[in-house]
C-alpha atoms as a PDB file:
ATOM      1  CA  MET A   1       0.000   0.000   0.000  1.00  0.00           C
ATOM      2  CA  ARG A   2       1.504   3.330  -1.055  1.00  0.00           C
ATOM      3  CA  PHE A   3       1.595   6.480   1.038  1.00  0.00           C
ATOM      4  CA  GLY A   4      -0.987   8.188  -1.198  1.00  0.00           C
ATOM      5  CA  ALA A   5      -3.466   5.398  -0.473  1.00  0.00           C
ATOM      6  CA  ILE A   6      -2.711   5.592   3.247  1.00  0.00           C
ATOM      7  CA  LEU A   7      -3.260   9.356   3.184  1.00  0.00           C
ATOM      8  CA  ALA A   8      -6.552   8.954   1.297  1.00  0.00           C
ATOM      9  CA  LEU A   9      -7.663   6.365   3.869  1.00  0.00           C
ATOM     10  CA  SER A  10      -6.662   8.751   6.660  1.00  0.00           C
ATOM     11  CA  VAL A  11      -8.667  11.624   5.176  1.00  0.00           C
ATOM     12  CA  GLY A  12     -11.710   9.371   4.791  1.00  0.00           C
ATOM     13  CA  LEU A  13     -11.479   8.218   8.396  1.00  0.00           C
ATOM     14  CA  ALA A  14     -11.049  11.815   9.617  1.00  0.00           C
ATOM     15  CA  MET A  15     -14.183  13.217   7.972  1.00  0.00           C
ATOM     16  CA  ASP A  16     -16.610  12.316  10.776  1.00  0.00           C
ATOM     17  CA  ALA A  17     -14.346  13.724  13.483  1.00  0.00           C
ATOM     18  CA  THR A  18     -13.765  16.875  11.413  1.00  0.00           C
ATOM     19  CA  ALA A  19     -17.512  17.486  11.113  1.00  0.00           C
ATOM     20  CA  VAL A  20     -17.925  16.990  14.863  1.00  0.00           C
ATOM     21  CA  SER A  21     -15.028  19.391  15.526  1.00  0.00           C
ATOM     22  CA  ALA A  22     -16.686  22.006  13.327  1.00  0.00           C
ATOM     23  CA  ALA A  23     -19.899  21.606  15.337  1.00  0.00           C
ATOM     24  CA  ARG A  24     -17.904  22.177  18.543  1.00  0.00           C
ATOM     25  CA  GLY A  25     -16.315  25.286  17.017  1.00  0.00           C
ATOM     26  CA  MET A  26     -19.716  26.731  16.105  1.00  0.00           C
ATOM     27  CA  ALA A  27     -20.904  26.551  19.683  1.00  0.00           C
ATOM     28  CA  VAL A  28     -18.092  28.432  21.454  1.00  0.00           C
ATOM     29  CA  PRO A  29     -17.683  32.208  21.609  1.00  0.00           C
ATOM     30  CA  ARG A  30     -13.942  31.859  20.972  1.00  0.00           C
ATOM     31  CA  ILE A  31     -11.477  29.050  20.504  1.00  0.00           C
ATOM     32  CA  ARG A  32      -8.985  28.627  23.301  1.00  0.00           C
ATOM     33  CA  PRO A  33      -5.680  26.730  23.084  1.00  0.00           C
ATOM     34  CA  ARG A  34      -7.271  24.106  25.368  1.00  0.00           C
ATOM     35  CA  HIS A  35      -9.963  23.431  22.738  1.00  0.00           C
ATOM     36  CA  VAL A  36      -7.347  22.949  20.024  1.00  0.00           C
ATOM     37  CA  VAL A  37      -5.353  20.524  22.192  1.00  0.00           C
ATOM     38  CA  LEU A  38      -8.452  18.566  23.240  1.00  0.00           C
ATOM     39  CA  VAL A  39      -9.707  18.190  19.664  1.00  0.00           C
ATOM     40  CA  ALA A  40      -6.272  17.184  18.329  1.00  0.00           C
ATOM     41  CA  VAL A  41      -5.480  14.764  21.168  1.00  0.00           C
ATOM     42  CA  PHE A  42      -8.877  13.106  21.497  1.00  0.00           C
ATOM     43  CA  PHE A  43      -9.808  12.794  17.831  1.00  0.00           C
ATOM     44  CA  GLY A  44      -6.302  12.304  16.433  1.00  0.00           C
ATOM     45  CA  GLY A  45      -5.313  10.068  19.326  1.00  0.00           C
ATOM     46  CA  PHE A  46      -8.347   7.817  19.097  1.00  0.00           C
ATOM     47  CA  GLN A  47      -8.122   7.573  15.302  1.00  0.00           C
ATOM     48  CA  ALA A  48      -4.511   6.391  15.788  1.00  0.00           C
ATOM     49  CA  LEU A  49      -5.269   4.157  18.782  1.00  0.00           C
ATOM     50  CA  MET A  50      -8.230   2.278  17.296  1.00  0.00           C
ATOM     51  CA  PRO A  51      -6.266   0.710  14.392  1.00  0.00           C
ATOM     52  CA  VAL A  52      -3.668  -0.469  16.927  1.00  0.00           C
ATOM     53  CA  ILE A  53      -6.414  -2.108  19.003  1.00  0.00           C
ATOM     54  CA  GLY A  54      -7.948  -3.570  15.851  1.00  0.00           C
ATOM     55  CA  TRP A  55      -4.608  -4.993  14.798  1.00  0.00           C
ATOM     56  CA  MET A  56      -3.995  -6.482  18.276  1.00  0.00           C
ATOM     57  CA  VAL A  57      -7.364  -8.171  18.641  1.00  0.00           C
ATOM     58  CA  GLY A  58      -7.315  -9.316  15.033  1.00  0.00           C
ATOM     59  CA  SER A  59      -9.991 -11.327  13.409  1.00  0.00           C
ATOM     60  CA  ARG A  60     -11.578 -12.634  16.642  1.00  0.00           C
ATOM     61  CA  ILE A  61     -13.833  -9.643  17.222  1.00  0.00           C
ATOM     62  CA  GLY A  62     -13.307  -7.901  13.882  1.00  0.00           C
ATOM     63  CA  PRO A  63     -16.505  -9.207  12.278  1.00  0.00           C
ATOM     64  CA  LEU A  64     -18.500  -8.352  15.422  1.00  0.00           C
ATOM     65  CA  VAL A  65     -17.168  -4.765  15.531  1.00  0.00           C
ATOM     66  CA  GLU A  66     -17.695  -4.357  11.814  1.00  0.00           C
ATOM     67  CA  ALA A  67     -21.257  -5.635  12.162  1.00  0.00           C
ATOM     68  CA  TRP A  68     -22.159  -3.115  14.882  1.00  0.00           C
ATOM     69  CA  ASP A  69     -19.783  -0.135  14.477  1.00  0.00           C
ATOM     70  CA  HIS A  70     -22.298   1.925  12.516  1.00  0.00           C
ATOM     71  CA  TRP A  71     -25.016   1.383  15.122  1.00  0.00           C
ATOM     72  CA  ILE A  72     -22.680   2.351  17.983  1.00  0.00           C
ATOM     73  CA  ALA A  73     -21.600   5.542  16.187  1.00  0.00           C
ATOM     74  CA  PHE A  74     -25.216   6.350  15.274  1.00  0.00           C
ATOM     75  CA  VAL A  75     -26.451   5.987  18.867  1.00  0.00           C
ATOM     76  CA  LEU A  76     -23.589   7.942  20.458  1.00  0.00           C
ATOM     77  CA  LEU A  77     -23.630  10.813  17.945  1.00  0.00           C
ATOM     78  CA  GLY A  78     -27.431  10.857  17.859  1.00  0.00           C
ATOM     79  CA  ALA A  79     -27.680  11.060  21.647  1.00  0.00           C
ATOM     80  CA  ILE A  80     -25.172  13.902  21.903  1.00  0.00           C
ATOM     81  CA  GLY A  81     -26.828  15.704  18.966  1.00  0.00           C
ATOM     82  CA  ALA A  82     -30.287  15.278  20.506  1.00  0.00           C
ATOM     83  CA  LYS A  83     -28.972  16.734  23.767  1.00  0.00           C
ATOM     84  CA  MET A  84     -27.678  19.771  21.852  1.00  0.00           C
ATOM     85  CA  LEU A  85     -31.053  20.158  20.115  1.00  0.00           C
ATOM     86  CA  TRP A  86     -32.851  19.962  23.443  1.00  0.00           C
ATOM     87  CA  GLU A  87     -30.561  22.580  24.982  1.00  0.00           C
ATOM     88  CA  SER A  88     -31.030  24.911  21.989  1.00  0.00           C
ATOM     89  CA  ARG A  89     -34.828  25.042  22.334  1.00  0.00           C
ATOM     90  CA  ASP A  90     -34.662  28.169  24.510  1.00  0.00           C
ATOM     91  CA  ALA A  91     -31.538  29.966  23.307  1.00  0.00           C
ATOM     92  CA  LYS A  92     -32.770  33.297  24.700  1.00  0.00           C
ATOM     93  CA  THR A  93     -31.705  32.535  28.237  1.00  0.00           C
ATOM     94  CA  ALA A  94     -28.033  32.218  29.072  1.00  0.00           C
ATOM     95  CA  ALA A  95     -28.755  29.145  31.163  1.00  0.00           C
ATOM     96  CA  THR A  96     -29.573  27.108  28.075  1.00  0.00           C
ATOM     97  CA  LEU A  97     -26.341  27.962  26.264  1.00  0.00           C
ATOM     98  CA  PRO A  98     -23.950  25.032  26.568  1.00  0.00           C
ATOM     99  CA  THR A  99     -21.053  25.588  28.901  1.00  0.00           C
ATOM    100  CA  GLU A 100     -17.466  24.909  27.944  1.00  0.00           C
ATOM    101  CA  GLU A 101     -17.637  21.783  30.101  1.00  0.00           C
ATOM    102  CA  GLU A 102     -20.649  20.528  28.144  1.00  0.00           C
ATOM    103  CA  LEU A 103     -18.876  21.140  24.846  1.00  0.00           C
ATOM    104  CA  PHE A 104     -15.299  20.190  25.705  1.00  0.00           C
ATOM    105  CA  GLY A 105     -15.639  18.171  28.903  1.00  0.00           C
ATOM    106  CA  LEU A 106     -13.482  15.075  29.065  1.00  0.00           C
ATOM    107  CA  ARG A 107     -16.469  12.722  29.150  1.00  0.00           C
ATOM    108  CA  VAL A 108     -18.109  14.403  26.135  1.00  0.00           C
ATOM    109  CA  MET A 109     -14.848  14.441  24.183  1.00  0.00           C
ATOM    110  CA  LEU A 110     -14.246  10.784  25.030  1.00  0.00           C
ATOM    111  CA  LEU A 111     -17.701   9.769  23.780  1.00  0.00           C
ATOM    112  CA  LEU A 112     -17.298  11.800  20.591  1.00  0.00           C
ATOM    113  CA  ALA A 113     -13.808  10.413  19.971  1.00  0.00           C
ATOM    114  CA  ILE A 114     -15.010   6.835  20.399  1.00  0.00           C
ATOM    115  CA  ALA A 115     -18.076   7.387  18.227  1.00  0.00           C
ATOM    116  CA  THR A 116     -16.064   8.883  15.370  1.00  0.00           C
ATOM    117  CA  SER A 117     -13.196   6.377  15.497  1.00  0.00           C
ATOM    118  CA  ILE A 118     -14.945   3.011  15.581  1.00  0.00           C
ATOM    119  CA  ASP A 119     -14.397   2.548  11.840  1.00  0.00           C
ATOM    120  CA  ALA A 120     -10.668   2.895  12.467  1.00  0.00           C
ATOM    121  CA  LEU A 121     -10.844  -0.232  14.642  1.00  0.00           C
ATOM    122  CA  ALA A 122     -12.012  -2.281  11.665  1.00  0.00           C
ATOM    123  CA  VAL A 123      -9.350  -0.619   9.486  1.00  0.00           C
ATOM    124  CA  GLY A 124      -6.695  -1.789  11.953  1.00  0.00           C
ATOM    125  CA  ILE A 125      -7.772  -5.366  11.378  1.00  0.00           C
ATOM    126  CA  THR A 126      -7.403  -5.001   7.607  1.00  0.00           C
ATOM    127  CA  LEU A 127      -4.109  -3.041   7.474  1.00  0.00           C
ATOM    128  CA  PRO A 128      -1.880  -6.138   7.702  1.00  0.00           C
ATOM    129  CA  MET A 129      -3.912  -7.784   4.902  1.00  0.00           C
ATOM    130  CA  LEU A 130      -3.249  -4.747   2.699  1.00  0.00           C
ATOM    131  CA  ASP A 131       0.526  -4.945   3.266  1.00  0.00           C
ATOM    132  CA  ALA A 132       0.407  -1.424   4.658  1.00  0.00           C
ATOM    133  CA  PRO A 133       3.371  -0.255   6.752  1.00  0.00           C
ATOM    134  CA  PHE A 134       1.665  -0.374  10.119  1.00  0.00           C
ATOM    135  CA  ALA A 135       3.524   2.363  12.046  1.00  0.00           C
ATOM    136  CA  LEU A 136       3.361   4.771   9.101  1.00  0.00           C
ATOM    137  CA  SER A 137      -0.339   4.053   8.625  1.00  0.00           C
ATOM    138  CA  VAL A 138      -1.205   4.633  12.282  1.00  0.00           C
ATOM    139  CA  ALA A 139       0.882   7.820  12.467  1.00  0.00           C
ATOM    140  CA  THR A 140      -0.632   9.159   9.237  1.00  0.00           C
ATOM    141  CA  ILE A 141      -4.175   8.421  10.420  1.00  0.00           C
ATOM    142  CA  GLY A 142      -3.582  10.165  13.761  1.00  0.00           C
ATOM    143  CA  VAL A 143      -1.770  13.237  12.415  1.00  0.00           C
ATOM    144  CA  THR A 144      -4.191  13.713   9.508  1.00  0.00           C
ATOM    145  CA  THR A 145      -7.200  13.483  11.807  1.00  0.00           C
ATOM    146  CA  ALA A 146      -5.686  15.875  14.350  1.00  0.00           C
ATOM    147  CA  ALA A 147      -4.868  18.454  11.664  1.00  0.00           C
ATOM    148  CA  MET A 148      -8.253  18.194   9.954  1.00  0.00           C
ATOM    149  CA  CYS A 149     -10.116  18.438  13.272  1.00  0.00           C
ATOM    150  CA  VAL A 150      -8.217  21.548  14.335  1.00  0.00           C
ATOM    151  CA  GLY A 151      -9.038  23.053  10.935  1.00  0.00           C
ATOM    152  CA  GLY A 152     -12.679  22.009  11.363  1.00  0.00           C
ATOM    153  CA  LEU A 153     -12.776  23.663  14.784  1.00  0.00           C
ATOM    154  CA  PHE A 154     -11.670  27.003  13.306  1.00  0.00           C
ATOM    155  CA  VAL A 155     -13.980  26.709  10.293  1.00  0.00           C
ATOM    156  CA  GLY A 156     -16.865  26.012  12.666  1.00  0.00           C
ATOM    157  CA  ARG A 157     -15.954  29.006  14.822  1.00  0.00           C
ATOM    158  CA  ARG A 158     -15.821  31.212  11.729  1.00  0.00           C
ATOM    159  CA  ALA A 159     -19.309  30.019  10.761  1.00  0.00           C
ATOM    160  CA  GLY A 160     -20.454  30.651  14.327  1.00  0.00           C
ATOM    161  CA  ALA A 161     -19.116  34.213  14.194  1.00  0.00           C
ATOM    162  CA  MET A 162     -20.923  34.833  10.899  1.00  0.00           C
ATOM    163  CA  PHE A 163     -24.263  33.350  11.936  1.00  0.00           C
ATOM    164  CA  GLY A 164     -24.384  34.120  15.642  1.00  0.00           C
ATOM    165  CA  ARG A 165     -24.097  32.155  18.829  1.00  0.00           C
ATOM    166  CA  ARG A 166     -27.406  30.296  18.503  1.00  0.00           C
ATOM    167  CA  LEU A 167     -25.936  27.487  16.435  1.00  0.00           C
ATOM    168  CA  ASP A 168     -26.372  24.730  19.012  1.00  0.00           C
ATOM    169  CA  PHE A 169     -29.367  23.579  17.007  1.00  0.00           C
ATOM    170  CA  LEU A 170     -27.258  23.337  13.847  1.00  0.00           C
ATOM    171  CA  GLY A 171     -24.454  21.618  15.767  1.00  0.00           C
ATOM    172  CA  GLY A 172     -26.923  19.039  17.079  1.00  0.00           C
ATOM    173  CA  LEU A 173     -28.290  18.474  13.581  1.00  0.00           C
ATOM    174  CA  ILE A 174     -24.739  17.994  12.275  1.00  0.00           C
ATOM    175  CA  LEU A 175     -23.975  15.342  14.896  1.00  0.00           C
ATOM    176  CA  ILE A 176     -27.235  13.518  14.201  1.00  0.00           C
ATOM    177  CA  GLY A 177     -26.575  13.855  10.460  1.00  0.00           C
ATOM    178  CA  VAL A 178     -23.063  12.422  10.767  1.00  0.00           C
ATOM    179  CA  GLY A 179     -24.376   9.505  12.811  1.00  0.00           C
ATOM    180  CA  THR A 180     -27.197   8.911  10.316  1.00  0.00           C
ATOM    181  CA  MET A 181     -24.775   9.130   7.381  1.00  0.00           C
ATOM    182  CA  ILE A 182     -22.511   6.514   8.988  1.00  0.00           C
ATOM    183  CA  LEU A 183     -25.510   4.237   9.525  1.00  0.00           C
ATOM    184  CA  ILE A 184     -26.870   4.648   5.977  1.00  0.00           C
ATOM    185  CA  GLU A 185     -23.443   4.117   4.368  1.00  0.00           C
ATOM    186  CA  HIS A 186     -22.877   0.900   6.296  1.00  0.00           C
ATOM    187  CA  LEU A 187     -26.386  -0.436   5.747  1.00  0.00           C
ATOM    188  CA  GLY A 188     -26.150   0.429   2.040  1.00  0.00           C
ATOM    189  CA  ALA A 189     -22.742  -1.255   1.769  1.00  0.00           C
ATOM    190  CA  GLY A 190     -24.180  -4.346   3.464  1.00  0.00           C
ATOM    191  CA  ARG A 191     -26.954  -4.605   0.888  1.00  0.00           C
ATOM    192  CA  ALA A 192     -24.570  -4.086  -2.008  1.00  0.00           C
ATOM    193  CA  SER A 193     -22.314  -6.963  -0.976  1.00  0.00           C
END
């Protein structure tokens, strides 16, 4: 497997996390260095860690994860998105605006990182079959995801500045949309094969 193919795979895996990062960026009044570090470490780190786990556990649970990964991502992203929609219903009062802890809390970031990196677990199982250089693949996946997510965070903040601070509703829709897209793609791929 050539580096170009590894990079293309990395970009594909990073798309979900990038969209989620953009939704986070929309919801904050300004991006702090802490936000950048959290997005890069959680999303980039989990996208790099999951292929390692997938490679270590191998084919024993690979088919099980592959059979359910889309449902897990759909439920986690849908639940977080629904929570954002619920909180946006009364955006006039400051109490309903999400706090930094609700947007970038460790538990929230962990759930989002897991939800957006489950596909990378299945990729880790297949990397040895593709004769891909494992360390290079994992590093490329992690670095690409971290860079794209930081970019997504700033793009989301820019959109938030242009359209106002009441974008929690849109952020929730994006998370639900990403989860739904993951589900539809996997269900459609299952029918096609």
